[in-house]
Amino acid sequence: MTTWVIGRGGLLGSAIDRRIARDHGAATTFTAASIPWADPQAAGQALQTEYQRFRSSAGSGPWRILWAAGAATVSTPADQAQSELRPLEALLAAIRAAPPAGPGVFFMTSSAGGVYAGSRNPPFTEDTDPAPLSPYGELKLAQEASATGQLSGTCSVVIGRFSNLYGPGQNLSKLQGLISRLALSSITQQPISIFVPLDTIRDYIYVDDAAGAALELTQQAQDDQEASSRIAIIASGQPATVGQVIHTMGHVARRRIPVAYGSHPSAGAQALDLRLTPSANVAAPTQLPEGMKSAYQDILSRMQASRQRDHQVSPASAG
């Protein structure tokens, strides 16, 4: 199956890319040109251009496109968050206008935390009514609606509502990624700011497990051989409080983690209990302590590499 992973430089996209290369070989993955994400209009145009290349590459065989792009978080302002809808809609319009000849699947990455932030009666399932509390959650619902609406009758659509992703490769420039930030704090001994109560419950899924689930769901949709749409909860089913996560990271790092408690405007868009029920056939075998150790080792390796670069003496300065 010819596969295009959009957002392959991110945490989830890179994990999907690795999983495909491991299981099927890199030759099955379409390599697109760089997308200018900072300019939504230019990004949309670039996606349409790259789609024509992908369509040609797929020929009459089976295909799938996995959308894992996006920079918005719960704290992103409304206008900035909504601007991420434009590139996606440009791509969807191109697919609808001229779909590849073979059967295909479009996978839309969404956020369980974003869409269920105001929902009631956890644990939440794929049948739970969404109730976003932030522009980020509203963006995710809008992206879901665009994908299912524009591609209706064109190809199968899978909406993957992910729980909190963590693992190697987390982007530390975003105001997210509690586990990686705890790892960083344990190493640097710089306090980490916590903006929610310690009994806040989240579902953390190791990114490699999440990638495997996404690919399995697209394969199932492809095997059905009919254009349909479905929503899937991609989660571990292993709820943990923020306090438990802090304690576990301290055990993994074998160091005290300095924690500062404060407030942030985005805290109002955070649910206290985000327990989730994973959809059928979603496997997440990695246990939280094991996954947290991998995330910690990744941050430690990055910090050590950074320190080595900082201490290297250039030939010019050596003279």
Protein backbone atom coordinates (compact mmCIF):
# COMPACT_ATOMS: atom_id res chain seq x y z
CA MET A 1 0.00 0.00 0.00
CA THR A 2 1.51 3.33 -1.05
CA THR A 3 1.54 5.53 2.05
CA TRP A 4 1.93 9.26 2.60
CA VAL A 5 2.57 10.37 6.18
CA ILE A 6 1.89 14.10 6.46
CA GLY A 7 3.69 15.56 9.45
CA ARG A 8 6.37 12.87 9.51
CA GLY A 9 8.72 15.19 11.41
CA GLY A 10 6.47 15.24 14.48
CA LEU A 11 6.20 12.84 17.40
CA LEU A 12 3.43 10.68 15.93
CA GLY A 13 4.33 11.10 12.26
CA SER A 14 7.93 10.03 12.81
CA ALA A 15 6.77 6.98 14.79
CA ILE A 16 4.39 5.98 11.98
CA ASP A 17 7.22 6.41 9.49
CA ARG A 18 9.51 4.17 11.55
CA ARG A 19 6.83 1.51 11.92
CA ILE A 20 6.18 1.38 8.17
CA ALA A 21 9.89 1.15 7.40
CA ARG A 22 10.28 -1.66 9.94
CA ASP A 23 7.28 -3.70 8.77
CA HIS A 24 7.09 -2.98 5.06
CA GLY A 25 10.28 -1.24 3.95
CA ALA A 26 10.82 2.45 3.25
CA ALA A 27 10.04 1.96 -0.45
CA THR A 28 6.30 1.87 0.35
CA THR A 29 6.37 5.39 1.81
CA PHE A 30 5.85 8.41 -0.41
CA THR A 31 8.43 11.15 0.18
CA ALA A 32 6.95 14.60 -0.23
CA ALA A 33 8.75 17.92 -0.53
CA SER A 34 8.92 20.16 2.53
CA ILE A 35 5.63 21.91 3.33
CA PRO A 36 5.79 25.61 4.36
CA TRP A 37 3.48 25.21 7.37
CA ALA A 38 4.09 28.75 8.64
CA ASP A 39 2.06 30.09 5.69
CA PRO A 40 -1.34 28.30 5.58
CA GLN A 41 -2.11 29.33 2.00
CA ALA A 42 1.32 28.30 0.71
CA ALA A 43 1.06 25.07 2.70
CA GLY A 44 -2.27 24.28 1.05
CA GLN A 45 -0.85 24.88 -2.40
CA ALA A 46 2.20 22.73 -1.67
CA LEU A 47 0.00 19.91 -0.38
CA GLN A 48 -2.08 19.99 -3.56
CA THR A 49 1.08 19.85 -5.68
CA GLU A 50 2.52 16.97 -3.67
CA TYR A 51 -0.80 15.16 -3.80
CA GLN A 52 -0.61 15.02 -7.59
CA ARG A 53 2.79 13.36 -7.26
CA PHE A 54 1.39 10.95 -4.70
CA ARG A 55 -1.59 10.13 -6.92
CA SER A 56 0.78 9.28 -9.76
CA SER A 57 2.96 7.19 -7.45
CA ALA A 58 -0.02 5.21 -6.14
CA GLY A 59 -1.20 4.35 -9.65
CA SER A 60 -4.08 1.88 -9.51
CA GLY A 61 -2.89 0.18 -6.32
CA PRO A 62 -4.12 0.58 -2.75
CA TRP A 63 -3.11 3.76 -0.93
CA ARG A 64 -3.42 5.59 2.35
CA ILE A 65 -2.75 9.10 3.58
CA LEU A 66 -2.20 9.69 7.29
CA TRP A 67 -2.56 13.28 8.48
CA ALA A 68 -0.37 13.75 11.57
CA ALA A 69 0.49 17.42 11.07
CA GLY A 70 -0.29 20.30 13.38
CA ALA A 71 1.33 22.70 15.81
CA ALA A 72 -1.70 23.85 17.83
CA THR A 73 -2.07 22.99 21.52
CA VAL A 74 -4.72 23.66 24.16
CA SER A 75 -3.16 27.09 24.77
CA THR A 76 -3.19 28.19 21.09
CA PRO A 77 -5.40 31.25 20.35
CA ALA A 78 -8.53 30.72 18.25
CA ASP A 79 -7.36 32.52 15.09
CA GLN A 80 -4.04 30.69 15.06
CA ALA A 81 -5.69 27.33 15.69
CA GLN A 82 -8.28 27.76 12.94
CA SER A 83 -5.57 28.67 10.43
CA GLU A 84 -4.48 25.01 10.56
CA LEU A 85 -7.76 24.02 8.94
CA ARG A 86 -6.92 25.67 5.60
CA PRO A 87 -4.07 23.40 4.43
CA LEU A 88 -6.10 20.30 5.29
CA GLU A 89 -9.14 21.53 3.38
CA ALA A 90 -6.98 22.28 0.33
CA LEU A 91 -5.66 18.72 0.34
CA LEU A 92 -9.11 17.18 0.87
CA ALA A 93 -10.50 19.19 -2.05
CA ALA A 94 -7.73 17.87 -4.30
CA ILE A 95 -8.41 14.27 -3.26
CA ARG A 96 -12.14 14.62 -3.83
CA ALA A 97 -11.63 16.26 -7.23
CA ALA A 98 -9.28 13.56 -8.52
CA PRO A 99 -8.93 10.53 -6.24
CA PRO A 100 -6.31 7.89 -7.00
CA ALA A 101 -7.51 5.03 -9.16
CA GLY A 102 -7.10 2.38 -6.48
CA PRO A 103 -8.91 1.90 -3.17
CA GLY A 104 -7.70 4.16 -0.40
CA VAL A 105 -7.96 5.33 3.20
CA PHE A 106 -7.56 8.76 4.73
CA PHE A 107 -6.54 8.80 8.40
CA MET A 108 -7.24 11.97 10.38
CA THR A 109 -5.34 12.46 13.63
CA SER A 110 -7.51 14.05 16.29
CA SER A 111 -7.31 14.61 20.05
CA ALA A 112 -9.43 12.84 22.63
CA GLY A 113 -8.37 15.40 25.23
CA GLY A 114 -9.37 18.24 22.95
CA VAL A 115 -12.79 16.98 21.88
CA TYR A 116 -13.86 15.42 25.21
CA ALA A 117 -12.58 18.16 27.54
CA GLY A 118 -16.10 19.17 28.55
CA SER A 119 -17.78 15.79 28.12
CA ARG A 120 -19.43 13.99 31.03
CA ASN A 121 -19.37 10.51 32.52
CA PRO A 122 -15.88 9.12 31.85
CA PRO A 123 -14.47 6.81 30.71
CA PHE A 124 -15.20 8.25 27.28
CA THR A 125 -15.82 6.08 24.23
CA GLU A 126 -16.18 6.67 20.51
CA ASP A 127 -19.92 7.15 21.15
CA THR A 128 -19.42 9.94 23.70
CA ASP A 129 -20.71 13.33 22.58
CA PRO A 130 -17.77 15.72 22.08
CA ALA A 131 -17.67 18.92 24.14
CA PRO A 132 -14.51 20.91 23.43
CA LEU A 133 -13.51 23.70 25.82
CA SER A 134 -10.74 25.28 23.76
CA PRO A 135 -10.09 26.54 20.22
CA TYR A 136 -7.78 23.53 19.87
CA GLY A 137 -10.63 21.12 20.55
CA GLU A 138 -12.89 23.02 18.18
CA LEU A 139 -10.20 22.83 15.50
CA LYS A 140 -9.98 19.06 15.89
CA LEU A 141 -13.74 18.65 15.50
CA ALA A 142 -13.69 20.91 12.44
CA GLN A 143 -10.88 18.83 10.91
CA GLU A 144 -12.81 15.63 11.59
CA ALA A 145 -15.93 17.05 9.96
CA SER A 146 -13.98 18.25 6.92
CA ALA A 147 -12.34 14.87 6.38
CA THR A 148 -15.56 12.86 6.66
CA GLY A 149 -17.63 15.41 4.75
CA GLN A 150 -15.33 16.10 1.81
CA LEU A 151 -14.28 12.48 1.31
CA SER A 152 -17.71 10.90 1.70
CA GLY A 153 -18.10 8.37 -1.10
CA THR A 154 -14.51 8.94 -2.24
CA CYS A 155 -12.50 6.75 0.12
CA SER A 156 -12.62 5.31 3.61
CA VAL A 157 -11.98 7.78 6.44
CA VAL A 158 -10.68 6.86 9.89
CA ILE A 159 -10.73 9.47 12.66
CA GLY A 160 -8.20 8.58 15.34
CA ARG A 161 -8.88 10.35 18.63
CA PHE A 162 -5.61 9.93 20.52
CA SER A 163 -5.02 10.14 24.23
CA ASN A 164 -1.87 11.83 25.56
CA LEU A 165 1.06 10.77 23.40
CA TYR A 166 4.51 10.42 24.89
CA GLY A 167 7.82 8.88 23.96
CA PRO A 168 11.15 9.62 22.26
CA GLY A 169 11.16 12.66 20.00
CA GLN A 170 8.79 14.93 21.94
CA ASN A 171 9.00 18.59 20.86
CA LEU A 172 9.92 20.45 24.04
CA SER A 173 9.19 23.87 22.56
CA LYS A 174 5.43 23.24 22.92
CA LEU A 175 3.52 23.71 26.15
CA GLN A 176 2.70 20.01 26.32
CA GLY A 177 4.37 16.67 26.88
CA LEU A 178 4.29 16.26 30.67
CA ILE A 179 6.36 13.08 30.71
CA SER A 180 9.21 14.46 28.58
CA ARG A 181 9.18 17.71 30.54
CA LEU A 182 9.42 15.78 33.79
CA ALA A 183 12.39 13.90 32.35
CA LEU A 184 14.02 17.18 31.36
CA SER A 185 13.41 18.67 34.80
CA SER A 186 14.91 15.61 36.50
CA ILE A 187 18.08 16.07 34.46
CA THR A 188 18.45 19.86 34.64
CA GLN A 189 16.92 20.23 38.12
CA GLN A 190 15.01 23.23 36.78
CA PRO A 191 11.49 23.28 38.28
CA ILE A 192 8.63 22.12 36.11
CA SER A 193 5.44 24.17 36.38
CA ILE A 194 2.25 22.20 36.98
CA PHE A 195 -0.98 24.03 36.17
CA VAL A 196 -3.54 21.34 37.04
CA PRO A 197 -4.35 19.47 40.29
CA LEU A 198 -2.21 16.42 41.03
CA ASP A 199 -5.31 14.19 40.98
CA THR A 200 -6.00 15.13 37.33
CA ILE A 201 -6.44 11.85 35.43
CA ARG A 202 -5.05 11.26 31.96
CA ASP A 203 -4.51 8.30 29.65
CA TYR A 204 -0.93 8.16 28.37
CA ILE A 205 -0.12 6.06 25.30
CA TYR A 206 3.39 5.29 24.13
CA VAL A 207 3.87 6.78 20.68
CA ASP A 208 5.05 3.56 19.03
CA ASP A 209 1.89 1.81 20.27
CA ALA A 210 -0.18 4.69 18.92
CA ALA A 211 1.54 4.48 15.53
CA GLY A 212 0.91 0.75 15.33
CA ALA A 213 -2.76 1.27 16.15
CA ALA A 214 -3.14 3.93 13.45
CA LEU A 215 -1.63 1.67 10.81
CA GLU A 216 -3.71 -1.31 11.92
CA LEU A 217 -6.90 0.75 11.67
CA THR A 218 -6.05 1.93 8.17
CA GLN A 219 -5.30 -1.65 7.14
CA GLN A 220 -8.67 -2.79 8.50
CA ALA A 221 -10.43 0.00 6.60
CA GLN A 222 -8.58 -1.00 3.44
CA ASP A 223 -9.56 -4.63 3.87
CA ASP A 224 -13.25 -3.67 4.12
CA GLN A 225 -13.04 -2.49 0.49
CA GLU A 226 -15.84 0.03 0.79
CA ALA A 227 -15.82 3.79 1.31
CA SER A 228 -16.91 4.31 4.90
CA SER A 229 -15.99 6.37 7.94
CA ARG A 230 -15.38 5.54 11.58
CA ILE A 231 -14.12 7.08 14.79
CA ALA A 232 -11.62 5.21 16.93
CA ILE A 233 -10.29 5.93 20.42
CA ILE A 234 -6.54 5.28 20.41
CA ALA A 235 -5.56 5.05 24.06
CA SER A 236 -3.79 2.75 26.49
CA GLY A 237 -6.73 2.21 28.82
CA GLN A 238 -4.22 2.73 31.68
CA PRO A 239 -5.35 5.90 33.49
CA ALA A 240 -2.88 7.67 35.77
CA THR A 241 -2.99 10.83 37.83
CA VAL A 242 -0.48 13.62 37.35
CA GLY A 243 0.82 12.84 40.85
CA GLN A 244 1.42 9.21 39.90
CA VAL A 245 3.28 10.25 36.75
CA ILE A 246 5.54 12.60 38.72
CA HIS A 247 6.28 9.84 41.25
CA THR A 248 7.03 7.29 38.53
CA MET A 249 9.41 9.62 36.69
CA GLY A 250 11.25 10.28 39.95
CA HIS A 251 11.66 6.52 40.35
CA VAL A 252 12.85 6.15 36.72
CA ALA A 253 15.34 9.03 36.97
CA ARG A 254 16.33 8.18 40.55
CA ARG A 255 16.28 11.87 41.33
CA ARG A 256 13.91 14.27 42.99
CA ILE A 257 11.93 16.30 40.46
CA PRO A 258 11.52 19.97 41.41
CA VAL A 259 7.89 20.94 40.90
CA ALA A 260 6.38 24.44 40.93
CA TYR A 261 2.64 24.86 41.12
CA GLY A 262 1.09 27.76 39.25
CA SER A 263 -1.73 28.84 36.99
CA HIS A 264 -2.15 29.22 33.24
CA PRO A 265 -5.11 30.38 31.11
CA SER A 266 -5.21 26.99 29.36
CA ALA A 267 -5.96 25.21 32.64
CA GLY A 268 -9.64 26.13 32.27
CA ALA A 269 -9.82 24.03 29.12
CA GLN A 270 -8.46 20.95 30.87
CA ALA A 271 -10.74 18.19 32.14
CA LEU A 272 -9.98 16.69 35.55
CA ASP A 273 -10.86 13.16 34.44
CA LEU A 274 -10.01 12.00 30.92
CA ARG A 275 -10.27 8.25 31.28
CA LEU A 276 -10.84 6.60 27.91
CA THR A 277 -12.01 3.24 26.62
CA PRO A 278 -9.84 2.17 23.67
CA SER A 279 -11.68 1.05 20.55
CA ALA A 280 -11.68 -2.58 19.52
CA ASN A 281 -8.39 -3.88 18.09
CA VAL A 282 -6.39 -0.97 19.54
CA ALA A 283 -3.40 -2.55 21.27
CA ALA A 284 -1.11 -0.63 23.63
CA PRO A 285 1.24 -3.18 25.20
CA THR A 286 3.80 -0.71 26.56
CA GLN A 287 3.34 -0.18 30.29
CA LEU A 288 3.73 3.36 31.60
CA PRO A 289 6.98 2.86 33.61
CA GLU A 290 8.60 1.14 30.62
CA GLY A 291 7.58 3.88 28.20
CA MET A 292 8.60 6.62 30.63
CA LYS A 293 12.06 5.07 30.88
CA SER A 294 12.41 5.27 27.08
CA ALA A 295 11.29 8.90 27.11
CA TYR A 296 13.76 9.68 29.89
CA GLN A 297 16.64 8.00 28.04
CA ASP A 298 15.77 10.02 24.93
CA ILE A 299 15.88 13.34 26.79
CA LEU A 300 19.08 12.31 28.58
CA SER A 301 20.75 11.43 25.27
CA ARG A 302 19.68 14.72 23.74
CA MET A 303 20.99 16.70 26.70
CA GLN A 304 24.31 14.85 26.65
CA ALA A 305 24.70 15.45 22.91
CA SER A 306 23.92 19.14 23.41
CA ARG A 307 26.52 19.43 26.15
CA GLN A 308 29.13 17.72 23.99
CA ARG A 309 28.49 20.19 21.18
CA ASP A 310 28.73 23.10 23.59
CA HIS A 311 32.12 21.89 24.87
CA GLN A 312 33.64 21.21 21.49
CA VAL A 313 36.35 23.70 20.60
CA SER A 314 36.34 24.94 17.01
CA PRO A 315 39.62 24.97 15.02
CA ALA A 316 39.49 28.76 14.83
CA SER A 317 39.18 29.29 18.55
CA ALA A 318 41.79 26.60 19.25
CA GLY A 319 44.37 28.59 17.31
